[in-house]
Structure formats: structure tokens, C-alpha cells
Amino acid sequence: MISLLLTTYRLLKAILRSWKIAEFRAALLLAVAILLSGTVFYRSVEGWGWVDSLYFSATTISTVGLGDLSPQTEAGKLFTVLYIFVGVGIFVALFAQLARALIQPAKKEEKAPAEDRP
């Protein structure tokens, strides 16, 4: 349990550190927008509930794809193909920024002792 709390704490720190970077804010806004647009699309075209639509959007973008839901309409299938390519790219950019924020403090700590040397 302590490990989970420490990991959550580090993630929150990385998000706060990343928030100062305009590219991170843009990627986060795009990630929310793509999840919302997928949710609305599947709700209206496939007729799924809000939770099922959000669930399918998230599992599709994360490439988990559990297979318990799948689009039945041709429009839904075509949208899903485009949704995967666009969504994966956006989330990779977002997670790359978070990874940089998590790793960056370690790099600063490594450089600090070397700079103190004469």
C-alpha cells in the first residue's frame, strides 16, 4: 500500500511539474477532447450508455481492447479505425511528457554532485 501511495505521489508531482509546459497542457486538452468525442460518438451512433461509451473509448485508445464491446455499424467501425490512430498518438505524446517529468529530477540530482567538483 505504501508503494502505491508513493507512486501516486510521484505521478501527481510529475503532472504538476508538467503543467507549466504548454505542450503538456495542449496534449492533456487533446486527450480529454478525444475521450469526450469518442464517448459522444459511440453514445449517439452505437446507442451505448455513457459509461459503456467512455469505457470503450478508453480501452480502445489504450490499446487494451478487451473485446467485450465492439462497434456494430459501419460508421462506428470506420470511426474506430481513425480513433485508434489519432488517439494513440495523442496519448503517447501525453505520456512521454509525463515520463520526462518523472525522470527529469533524477537527472538534476545526478548532475548536481558533478558540478560541485573543482
Protein backbone atom coordinates (compact mmCIF):
# COMPACT_ATOMS: atom_id res chain seq x y z
CA MET A 1 0.00 0.00 0.00
CA ILE A 2 2.85 2.37 0.76
CA SER A 3 4.33 1.69 -2.67
CA LEU A 4 1.03 2.65 -4.31
CA LEU A 5 0.87 5.88 -2.31
CA LEU A 6 4.46 6.79 -3.19
CA THR A 7 3.90 6.07 -6.86
CA THR A 8 0.70 8.14 -6.85
CA TYR A 9 2.56 10.97 -5.13
CA ARG A 10 5.34 10.90 -7.77
CA LEU A 11 2.75 10.87 -10.56
CA LEU A 12 0.94 13.88 -9.11
CA LYS A 13 4.24 15.74 -8.77
CA ALA A 14 5.05 14.95 -12.40
CA ILE A 15 1.66 16.23 -13.51
CA LEU A 16 2.12 19.46 -11.55
CA ARG A 17 5.65 19.89 -12.92
CA SER A 18 4.42 19.20 -16.46
CA TRP A 19 1.51 21.63 -16.12
CA LYS A 20 3.97 24.51 -16.58
CA ILE A 21 4.79 23.26 -20.09
CA ALA A 22 2.43 24.44 -22.82
CA GLU A 23 2.85 21.25 -24.87
CA PHE A 24 1.71 19.15 -21.91
CA ARG A 25 -1.38 21.27 -21.37
CA ALA A 26 -2.19 21.03 -25.09
CA ALA A 27 -1.70 17.23 -25.09
CA LEU A 28 -3.86 16.90 -21.97
CA LEU A 29 -6.59 19.03 -23.52
CA LEU A 30 -6.45 16.95 -26.71
CA ALA A 31 -6.58 13.70 -24.68
CA VAL A 32 -9.68 14.88 -22.84
CA ALA A 33 -11.22 16.09 -26.09
CA ILE A 34 -10.58 12.79 -27.87
CA LEU A 35 -12.06 10.79 -24.99
CA LEU A 36 -15.09 13.06 -24.91
CA SER A 37 -15.57 12.96 -28.68
CA GLY A 38 -15.30 9.17 -28.75
CA THR A 39 -17.76 8.89 -25.88
CA VAL A 40 -20.29 11.15 -27.59
CA PHE A 41 -19.84 9.38 -30.92
CA TYR A 42 -20.36 5.87 -29.54
CA ARG A 43 -23.29 7.07 -27.44
CA SER A 44 -25.05 8.56 -30.45
CA VAL A 45 -24.09 6.16 -33.26
CA GLU A 46 -23.87 2.83 -31.46
CA GLY A 47 -26.57 3.66 -28.90
CA TRP A 48 -24.45 2.63 -25.90
CA GLY A 49 -24.79 4.20 -22.47
CA TRP A 50 -22.42 6.93 -21.32
CA VAL A 51 -20.32 4.62 -19.17
CA ASP A 52 -20.02 1.96 -21.88
CA SER A 53 -19.09 4.62 -24.43
CA LEU A 54 -16.38 6.10 -22.20
CA TYR A 55 -15.15 2.61 -21.29
CA PHE A 56 -14.85 1.58 -24.93
CA SER A 57 -13.13 4.86 -25.82
CA ALA A 58 -10.55 4.43 -23.06
CA THR A 59 -9.84 0.75 -23.76
CA THR A 60 -9.56 1.44 -27.49
CA ILE A 61 -7.12 4.35 -27.12
CA SER A 62 -5.04 2.50 -24.55
CA THR A 63 -4.85 -0.45 -27.00
CA VAL A 64 -6.18 -2.79 -24.32
CA GLY A 65 -9.21 -3.67 -26.44
CA LEU A 66 -10.92 -6.19 -24.20
CA GLY A 67 -13.43 -7.16 -26.85
CA ASP A 68 -16.50 -7.11 -24.62
CA LEU A 69 -17.87 -4.22 -26.70
CA SER A 70 -17.43 -3.66 -30.41
CA PRO A 71 -19.00 -1.30 -32.92
CA GLN A 72 -21.81 -2.87 -34.96
CA THR A 73 -22.34 -0.12 -37.52
CA GLU A 74 -20.08 0.60 -40.48
CA ALA A 75 -19.76 4.21 -39.34
CA GLY A 76 -18.70 3.00 -35.89
CA LYS A 77 -16.09 0.67 -37.33
CA LEU A 78 -14.62 3.33 -39.62
CA PHE A 79 -14.59 5.89 -36.82
CA THR A 80 -12.84 3.39 -34.55
CA VAL A 81 -10.02 2.87 -37.04
CA LEU A 82 -9.34 6.62 -37.24
CA TYR A 83 -9.92 6.99 -33.50
CA ILE A 84 -7.21 4.44 -32.71
CA PHE A 85 -4.56 6.10 -34.87
CA VAL A 86 -5.28 9.63 -33.68
CA GLY A 87 -5.90 8.70 -30.05
CA VAL A 88 -2.82 6.54 -29.60
CA GLY A 89 -0.63 9.33 -30.96
CA ILE A 90 -2.10 11.90 -28.61
CA PHE A 91 -1.76 9.66 -25.57
CA VAL A 92 1.82 8.70 -26.46
CA ALA A 93 2.70 12.42 -26.55
CA LEU A 94 0.99 12.97 -23.21
CA PHE A 95 2.68 10.02 -21.51
CA ALA A 96 6.07 10.93 -22.99
CA GLN A 97 5.81 14.32 -21.31
CA LEU A 98 4.86 12.69 -18.02
CA ALA A 99 7.81 10.31 -18.31
CA ARG A 100 10.15 13.27 -18.91
CA ALA A 101 8.79 14.96 -15.80
CA LEU A 102 9.30 11.80 -13.74
CA ILE A 103 12.87 11.29 -14.98
CA GLN A 104 13.97 14.92 -15.02
CA PRO A 105 14.54 15.31 -11.24
CA ALA A 106 16.80 12.23 -11.27
CA LYS A 107 18.94 13.85 -13.96
CA LYS A 108 19.23 17.06 -11.95
CA GLU A 109 20.34 15.10 -8.87
CA GLU A 110 22.97 13.25 -10.90
CA LYS A 111 24.38 16.49 -12.31
CA ALA A 112 24.48 18.38 -9.01
CA PRO A 113 27.38 16.45 -7.38
CA ALA A 114 29.43 16.61 -10.60
CA GLU A 115 29.03 20.41 -10.76
CA ASP A 116 30.27 20.79 -7.18
CA ARG A 117 33.62 19.23 -8.08
CA PRO A 118 36.55 21.61 -8.68
